[in-house]
Protein backbone atom coordinates (compact mmCIF):
# COMPACT_ATOMS: atom_id res chain seq x y z
CA MET A 1 0.00 0.00 0.00
CA ARG A 2 1.40 3.38 -1.03
CA SER A 3 1.95 5.92 1.73
CA ASP A 4 0.39 9.37 1.37
CA ARG A 5 2.99 10.93 3.66
CA SER A 6 4.55 13.99 2.04
CA SER A 7 8.28 13.90 1.44
CA GLY A 8 8.60 17.67 1.90
CA ALA A 9 9.90 19.26 5.09
CA THR A 10 7.36 20.64 7.57
CA TRP A 11 7.21 24.37 8.26
CA PRO A 12 8.81 24.10 11.74
CA LEU A 13 11.78 22.31 10.19
CA LYS A 14 12.04 24.94 7.46
CA LEU A 15 11.84 27.69 10.07
CA ALA A 16 14.57 26.06 12.14
CA ALA A 17 16.80 25.69 9.08
CA ALA A 18 16.25 29.34 8.13
CA GLY A 19 17.04 30.41 11.70
CA GLY A 20 20.25 28.40 11.67
CA LEU A 21 21.37 29.92 8.37
CA LEU A 22 20.52 33.41 9.62
CA PHE A 23 22.50 32.84 12.82
CA LEU A 24 25.54 31.72 10.81
CA HIS A 25 25.51 34.34 8.06
CA LEU A 26 23.96 37.49 9.54
CA PRO A 27 27.32 38.69 10.98
CA ILE A 28 28.88 38.29 7.53
CA LEU A 29 26.07 40.33 5.97
CA LEU A 30 26.69 43.07 8.54
CA ILE A 31 30.32 43.26 7.38
CA PHE A 32 29.09 44.01 3.86
CA VAL A 33 26.64 46.64 5.12
CA TYR A 34 29.24 48.48 7.21
CA ALA A 35 31.62 48.60 4.24
CA PHE A 36 29.24 51.21 2.74
CA THR A 37 28.41 53.25 5.85
CA THR A 38 29.13 56.99 6.03
CA GLU A 39 30.06 56.72 9.72
CA GLU A 40 33.82 56.29 10.10
CA LYS A 41 34.34 56.10 13.87
CA SER A 42 31.82 53.55 15.14
CA PHE A 43 29.34 50.92 14.00
CA GLN A 44 25.91 52.55 14.28
CA TRP A 45 22.72 50.68 13.50
CA PRO A 46 21.07 51.52 11.30
CA PRO A 47 23.90 53.18 9.36
CA PRO A 48 23.35 56.95 9.01
CA GLY A 49 24.01 56.73 5.27
CA PHE A 50 25.67 54.79 2.52
CA THR A 51 28.69 55.59 0.36
CA THR A 52 31.24 53.83 -1.82
CA LYS A 53 34.12 56.15 -0.94
CA TRP A 54 35.74 53.60 1.35
CA PHE A 55 36.61 51.39 -1.61
CA ALA A 56 38.67 54.21 -3.10
CA VAL A 57 40.24 54.92 0.29
CA THR A 58 41.15 51.25 0.70
CA TRP A 59 42.60 51.11 -2.83
CA GLY A 60 44.90 54.02 -2.01
CA ARG A 61 46.22 52.62 1.28
CA PRO A 62 49.72 51.14 0.75
CA ASP A 63 49.57 49.30 4.09
CA VAL A 64 46.59 47.30 2.81
CA TRP A 65 48.50 46.20 -0.29
CA GLU A 66 51.57 45.32 1.76
CA ALA A 67 49.57 43.14 4.14
CA LEU A 68 47.65 41.56 1.24
CA GLY A 69 50.86 40.77 -0.63
CA LEU A 70 52.38 39.15 2.44
CA SER A 71 49.28 37.00 3.01
CA VAL A 72 49.21 35.85 -0.61
CA ARG A 73 52.92 34.95 -0.59
CA VAL A 74 52.64 33.08 2.70
CA ALA A 75 49.52 31.18 1.64
CA SER A 76 50.97 30.26 -1.77
CA ILE A 77 54.27 28.91 -0.42
CA ALA A 78 52.63 27.16 2.54
CA THR A 79 50.18 25.49 0.14
CA ALA A 80 53.01 24.35 -2.15
CA VAL A 81 54.89 22.85 0.80
CA ALA A 82 51.71 21.17 2.01
CA LEU A 83 50.99 19.66 -1.41
CA VAL A 84 54.40 18.00 -1.53
CA LEU A 85 54.58 16.79 2.07
CA GLY A 86 50.89 15.92 2.36
CA THR A 87 50.89 13.87 -0.84
CA LEU A 88 54.04 11.96 0.10
CA ALA A 89 52.70 11.21 3.58
CA ALA A 90 49.36 10.08 2.16
CA ALA A 91 51.06 7.80 -0.37
CA ALA A 92 53.23 6.22 2.33
CA VAL A 93 50.34 5.63 4.73
CA SER A 94 47.81 4.37 2.19
CA ARG A 95 50.06 2.29 -0.09
CA THR A 96 52.43 0.56 2.31
CA LYS A 97 52.10 -1.44 5.51
CA PHE A 98 54.61 -0.91 8.30
CA PHE A 99 54.80 -0.90 12.06
CA GLY A 100 53.36 2.29 13.56
CA ARG A 101 51.45 3.35 10.46
CA GLU A 102 48.33 4.37 12.39
CA ALA A 103 50.42 6.26 14.94
CA ILE A 104 52.11 8.22 12.15
CA SER A 105 48.71 9.00 10.61
CA LEU A 106 47.55 10.34 13.98
CA LEU A 107 50.66 12.48 14.35
CA VAL A 108 50.15 13.96 10.88
CA ILE A 109 46.62 15.16 11.64
CA LEU A 110 47.38 16.22 15.23
CA PRO A 111 48.38 19.87 14.42
CA ILE A 112 44.91 20.71 13.13
CA ALA A 113 43.27 19.05 16.15
CA LEU A 114 45.31 21.03 18.67
CA PRO A 115 44.20 24.55 19.64
CA GLY A 116 45.95 27.15 17.52
CA ILE A 117 47.41 28.86 20.57
CA ILE A 118 49.18 25.63 21.56
CA THR A 119 50.69 25.30 18.11
CA GLY A 120 51.69 28.96 18.12
CA ILE A 121 53.39 28.78 21.52
CA ALA A 122 55.20 25.57 20.55
CA LEU A 123 56.49 27.07 17.29
CA ARG A 124 57.57 30.31 18.94
CA SER A 125 59.47 28.37 21.61
CA ALA A 126 61.15 26.22 18.97
CA PHE A 127 62.17 29.24 16.88
CA SER A 128 63.52 31.04 19.93
CA LEU A 129 65.44 27.96 21.08
CA ALA A 130 66.99 27.54 17.63
CA GLU A 131 67.64 31.31 17.44
CA ILE A 132 65.70 31.58 14.18
CA PRO A 133 64.73 35.22 13.48
CA PHE A 134 61.06 35.86 12.80
CA SER A 135 60.40 36.43 9.12
CA ILE A 136 58.07 35.36 6.34
CA TRP A 137 59.59 31.88 6.56
CA THR A 138 58.60 31.41 10.19
CA ILE A 139 55.04 32.33 9.24
CA ILE A 140 55.14 29.85 6.35
CA LEU A 141 56.42 27.07 8.60
CA GLY A 142 53.65 27.79 11.07
CA HIS A 143 50.96 27.71 8.40
CA ALA A 144 52.37 24.60 6.76
CA THR A 145 51.77 22.62 9.96
CA PHE A 146 48.01 22.68 9.44
CA CYS A 147 47.98 23.04 5.64
CA VAL A 148 49.72 19.65 5.37
CA VAL A 149 46.84 18.08 7.28
CA VAL A 150 44.24 19.41 4.83
CA VAL A 151 46.11 18.07 1.80
CA TYR A 152 46.87 14.80 3.58
CA ASN A 153 43.23 14.13 4.44
CA ASN A 154 42.11 14.71 0.84
CA ALA A 155 44.95 12.72 -0.70
CA VAL A 156 44.83 9.73 1.64
CA ALA A 157 41.09 9.30 1.07
CA ARG A 158 41.60 9.32 -2.70
CA PHE A 159 44.59 6.96 -2.54
CA ARG A 160 42.54 4.43 -0.57
CA ARG A 161 39.75 4.59 -3.13
CA THR A 162 42.08 4.11 -6.10
CA SER A 163 42.61 0.50 -7.07
CA GLY A 164 46.14 -0.81 -6.56
CA SER A 165 45.67 -3.04 -9.60
CA LEU A 166 46.09 0.03 -11.82
CA ILE A 167 49.60 0.60 -10.51
CA GLU A 168 50.42 -3.10 -10.82
CA ALA A 169 49.16 -3.14 -14.41
CA SER A 170 51.26 -0.09 -15.23
CA MET A 171 54.38 -1.74 -13.85
CA ASP A 172 53.61 -4.99 -15.71
CA LEU A 173 53.39 -3.04 -18.97
CA GLY A 174 56.91 -1.68 -18.47
CA ALA A 175 56.29 1.76 -16.99
CA ASP A 176 58.78 3.03 -14.44
CA GLY A 177 57.85 4.74 -11.19
CA PHE A 178 57.71 8.26 -12.63
CA GLN A 179 55.60 7.21 -15.62
CA THR A 180 53.20 5.34 -13.35
CA PHE A 181 52.81 8.38 -11.13
CA ARG A 182 52.34 10.74 -14.10
CA TYR A 183 49.92 8.71 -16.17
CA VAL A 184 48.09 6.57 -13.58
CA VAL A 185 48.33 7.93 -10.03
CA LEU A 186 48.24 11.68 -10.68
CA PRO A 187 45.10 11.68 -12.89
CA ASN A 188 43.26 9.77 -10.16
CA ILE A 189 44.28 12.05 -7.30
CA ALA A 190 44.49 15.38 -9.19
CA THR A 191 41.09 16.75 -8.14
CA ALA A 192 41.71 15.73 -4.52
CA LEU A 193 45.05 17.55 -4.53
CA LEU A 194 43.50 20.61 -6.15
CA ALA A 195 40.70 20.68 -3.60
CA GLY A 196 43.13 20.17 -0.73
CA GLY A 197 45.39 22.91 -2.06
CA MET A 198 42.50 25.35 -2.34
CA LEU A 199 41.33 24.64 1.19
CA ALA A 200 44.88 24.96 2.49
CA PHE A 201 45.28 28.32 0.75
CA ALA A 202 42.01 29.58 2.25
CA LEU A 203 42.98 28.45 5.75
CA SER A 204 46.42 30.02 5.50
CA PHE A 205 45.12 33.27 4.04
CA ASP A 206 42.88 34.07 7.02
CA GLU A 207 44.89 32.47 9.85
CA VAL A 208 45.38 34.66 12.92
CA ILE A 209 46.44 32.77 16.06
CA VAL A 210 49.51 30.90 14.78
CA THR A 211 50.53 33.98 12.78
CA THR A 212 50.49 36.10 15.94
CA PHE A 213 53.19 33.92 17.49
CA THR A 214 55.35 33.49 14.36
CA ALA A 215 55.16 36.82 12.50
CA GLY A 216 57.32 39.06 14.67
CA GLN A 217 56.84 42.66 13.46
CA GLN A 218 55.23 41.66 10.16
CA ALA A 219 51.49 41.92 9.60
CA THR A 220 49.51 39.62 7.35
CA LEU A 221 46.08 40.81 6.26
CA PRO A 222 44.15 39.31 9.22
CA ILE A 223 46.68 40.75 11.69
CA TRP A 224 46.40 44.13 9.96
CA MET A 225 42.61 43.98 10.33
CA LEU A 226 42.83 43.33 14.06
CA GLU A 227 45.16 46.29 14.50
CA GLU A 228 42.89 48.55 12.43
CA LEU A 229 39.82 47.77 14.54
CA ILE A 230 41.28 49.59 17.54
CA ARG A 231 41.72 52.82 15.56
CA PRO A 232 38.97 55.43 16.01
CA ARG A 233 38.87 56.51 12.34
CA GLN A 234 38.27 54.87 8.97
CA ARG A 235 36.89 51.68 10.46
CA PRO A 236 34.84 50.97 7.30
CA VAL A 237 38.17 50.33 5.55
CA THR A 238 38.47 47.23 7.72
CA ASN A 239 35.06 46.06 6.53
CA VAL A 240 36.02 46.60 2.89
CA VAL A 241 39.10 44.44 3.45
CA ALA A 242 36.94 41.89 5.30
CA MET A 243 34.76 41.62 2.20
CA LEU A 244 37.89 40.81 0.21
CA VAL A 245 38.86 38.12 2.72
CA VAL A 246 35.38 36.57 2.56
CA ILE A 247 35.54 36.42 -1.24
CA VAL A 248 39.12 35.11 -1.37
CA THR A 249 38.38 32.35 1.14
CA PHE A 250 34.90 31.50 -0.15
CA LEU A 251 35.82 30.93 -3.78
CA PRO A 252 38.47 28.22 -3.13
CA ILE A 253 36.14 26.43 -0.72
CA LEU A 254 33.30 26.54 -3.26
CA ALA A 255 35.60 25.31 -6.02
CA ALA A 256 36.89 22.51 -3.79
CA TYR A 257 33.31 21.42 -3.08
CA TYR A 258 32.40 21.20 -6.76
CA LEU A 259 35.65 19.40 -7.59
CA THR A 260 35.08 16.64 -5.04
CA ARG A 261 31.30 16.18 -4.91
CA ASP A 262 31.11 13.91 -7.98
CA THR A 263 34.20 11.79 -7.31
CA ASP A 264 32.57 8.78 -5.68
CA GLN A 265 33.48 6.65 -8.68
CA ILE A 266 37.24 6.52 -9.17
CA ALA A 267 38.85 4.89 -12.15
CA GLY A 268 39.75 1.34 -11.35
CA SER A 269 37.84 1.26 -8.07
CA GLY A 270 35.35 -1.30 -9.29
CA LYS A 271 35.89 -5.03 -9.20
């Protein structure tokens, strides 16, 4: 007997879902609103007026461009380091069996599970003990600790879903290790690496806590924003920059989602 029960959600469930989305995204919408306010010293509600002058002011601020350039350089290099180390670690854990493999896997993902302040204090202590001066490279090392985890998680999942018989067949047909990686392994894990790299870049670009302990006198874009919030004038400039951060971090995450949502079927994964 066919059930007449509707498959649609009830109105209380829809209301709860809408309330949850509003709770999550209303603060972000306020950032966009205050980027156009005419008030430059405080955040009044409702805004006394709207203007686009703050975009021109932000464009002409050299400190904004300096902080943005530093954040982009740090995120790009940290992502490149993470792609290499994360992929190698994922290949070792997923393709070979050795004593302590699970322990090593746990240690790889531990940095992203620990509170950022713990990681920051540990890195600062290590740099001070080794007498390493704070520079862009100390920031990159700090960011790479959690960027590696993001790439590793994406790569190890894809490695485990890729049939080992493909690699064996490649070797049987006379391909060497590099050819097998280029023509068999890489095409199967490429979207996972791209998604992991995008997520790593987004995480590095807006990281604050670890950067605070490893940057020294330098200011990435998030650190610059925190410093600007305490100034009594031109606060809308901070909101304009925040809009940029939202866009820069949202686009890679959205792209990573679309790259990985239809990858349930991997070449060679069937029997």
